[in-house]
Amino acid sequence: MIKGFLNLPWFAWAALALIIATIYSFVWPQKTATMTTGFRYLIIRWAHALVWILLAVNFILRGISPTLNGAANLAAAASGLVYILFVTMTFVVM
């Protein structure tokens, strides 16, 4: 098993990320989301959970093989972009 951050296996980090994604699937900013519609509602409702799912994919790819680190970096970058979109739609766009 390939050790990752803090000497824990990457699969342990993936499991933690999936638990957090599950939590964010049920707990979300309801007050902000009820005042929006369309694309903004979709982003506010589901993007934060998607960020954690993409991070879990990143961790899983790193745990499978070091040769997949390039694809893992893409998944991590995509999660960062989705998070920026989530924050923008939640707090900046009125």
Protein backbone atom coordinates (compact mmCIF):
# COMPACT_ATOMS: atom_id res chain seq x y z
CA MET A 1 0.00 0.00 0.00
CA ILE A 2 1.38 3.39 -0.99
CA LYS A 3 1.76 5.83 1.88
CA GLY A 4 0.51 9.36 1.38
CA PHE A 5 0.20 12.56 3.36
CA LEU A 6 1.03 12.17 7.08
CA ASN A 7 2.19 8.63 6.28
CA LEU A 8 -1.41 7.41 5.93
CA PRO A 9 -2.38 5.31 2.90
CA TRP A 10 -3.97 7.20 0.02
CA PHE A 11 -7.00 4.93 0.29
CA ALA A 12 -7.62 6.13 3.87
CA TRP A 13 -7.62 9.72 2.57
CA ALA A 14 -10.02 8.66 -0.19
CA ALA A 15 -12.38 7.09 2.35
CA LEU A 16 -12.32 10.27 4.43
CA ALA A 17 -13.03 12.40 1.35
CA LEU A 18 -15.98 10.18 0.40
CA ILE A 19 -17.40 10.46 3.92
CA ILE A 20 -17.17 14.25 3.69
CA ALA A 21 -18.79 14.15 0.22
CA THR A 22 -21.66 12.14 1.67
CA ILE A 23 -22.11 14.66 4.46
CA TYR A 24 -22.15 17.57 2.01
CA SER A 25 -24.75 15.73 -0.07
CA PHE A 26 -27.18 16.08 2.84
CA VAL A 27 -25.97 19.27 4.54
CA TRP A 28 -25.88 22.28 2.23
CA PRO A 29 -26.48 26.03 2.36
CA GLN A 30 -30.27 25.86 2.20
CA LYS A 31 -30.93 29.54 2.87
CA THR A 32 -28.72 30.69 -0.02
CA ALA A 33 -29.86 27.92 -2.35
CA THR A 34 -33.58 28.58 -1.91
CA MET A 35 -33.12 32.13 -3.20
CA THR A 36 -31.49 30.97 -6.45
CA THR A 37 -32.53 29.05 -9.55
CA GLY A 38 -30.97 27.40 -12.54
CA PHE A 39 -27.22 26.92 -12.91
CA ARG A 40 -26.39 28.81 -9.72
CA TYR A 41 -28.71 26.56 -7.70
CA LEU A 42 -27.07 23.47 -9.21
CA ILE A 43 -23.60 24.72 -8.31
CA ILE A 44 -24.55 25.77 -4.77
CA ARG A 45 -26.36 22.48 -4.16
CA TRP A 46 -23.89 19.95 -5.57
CA ALA A 47 -20.47 21.50 -6.26
CA HIS A 48 -19.03 21.12 -2.77
CA ALA A 49 -19.80 17.41 -2.73
CA LEU A 50 -18.29 17.14 -6.22
CA VAL A 51 -15.09 18.75 -4.94
CA TRP A 52 -14.69 16.01 -2.36
CA ILE A 53 -15.50 13.28 -4.87
CA LEU A 54 -12.81 14.61 -7.21
CA LEU A 55 -10.36 14.69 -4.30
CA ALA A 56 -11.25 11.08 -3.52
CA VAL A 57 -10.55 10.17 -7.16
CA ASN A 58 -7.22 11.96 -6.81
CA PHE A 59 -6.34 9.94 -3.72
CA ILE A 60 -7.44 6.65 -5.26
CA LEU A 61 -5.34 7.22 -8.38
CA ARG A 62 -2.31 8.03 -6.23
CA GLY A 63 -2.91 4.89 -4.17
CA ILE A 64 -3.13 2.61 -7.19
CA SER A 65 0.20 3.49 -8.78
CA PRO A 66 2.71 6.34 -8.91
CA THR A 67 2.41 6.22 -12.71
CA LEU A 68 -1.10 7.67 -12.37
CA ASN A 69 0.08 10.81 -10.57
CA GLY A 70 -0.48 12.89 -13.72
CA ALA A 71 -4.15 11.92 -13.87
CA ALA A 72 -4.38 12.45 -10.11
CA ASN A 73 -3.02 15.97 -10.54
CA LEU A 74 -5.73 16.66 -13.13
CA ALA A 75 -8.43 15.45 -10.74
CA ALA A 76 -7.00 17.65 -7.98
CA ALA A 77 -6.87 20.66 -10.30
CA ALA A 78 -10.46 20.04 -11.40
CA SER A 79 -11.55 19.92 -7.76
CA GLY A 80 -9.85 23.26 -7.17
CA LEU A 81 -11.65 24.83 -10.14
CA VAL A 82 -15.01 23.45 -9.00
CA TYR A 83 -14.35 24.84 -5.51
CA ILE A 84 -13.57 28.29 -6.91
CA LEU A 85 -16.83 28.13 -8.89
CA PHE A 86 -18.72 27.06 -5.75
CA VAL A 87 -17.32 29.91 -3.66
CA THR A 88 -17.97 32.41 -6.42
CA MET A 89 -21.59 31.33 -6.88
CA THR A 90 -22.21 31.18 -3.13
CA PHE A 91 -20.63 34.40 -1.92
CA VAL A 92 -19.70 36.70 -4.80
CA VAL A 93 -22.40 36.54 -7.47
CA MET A 94 -25.57 38.28 -6.39
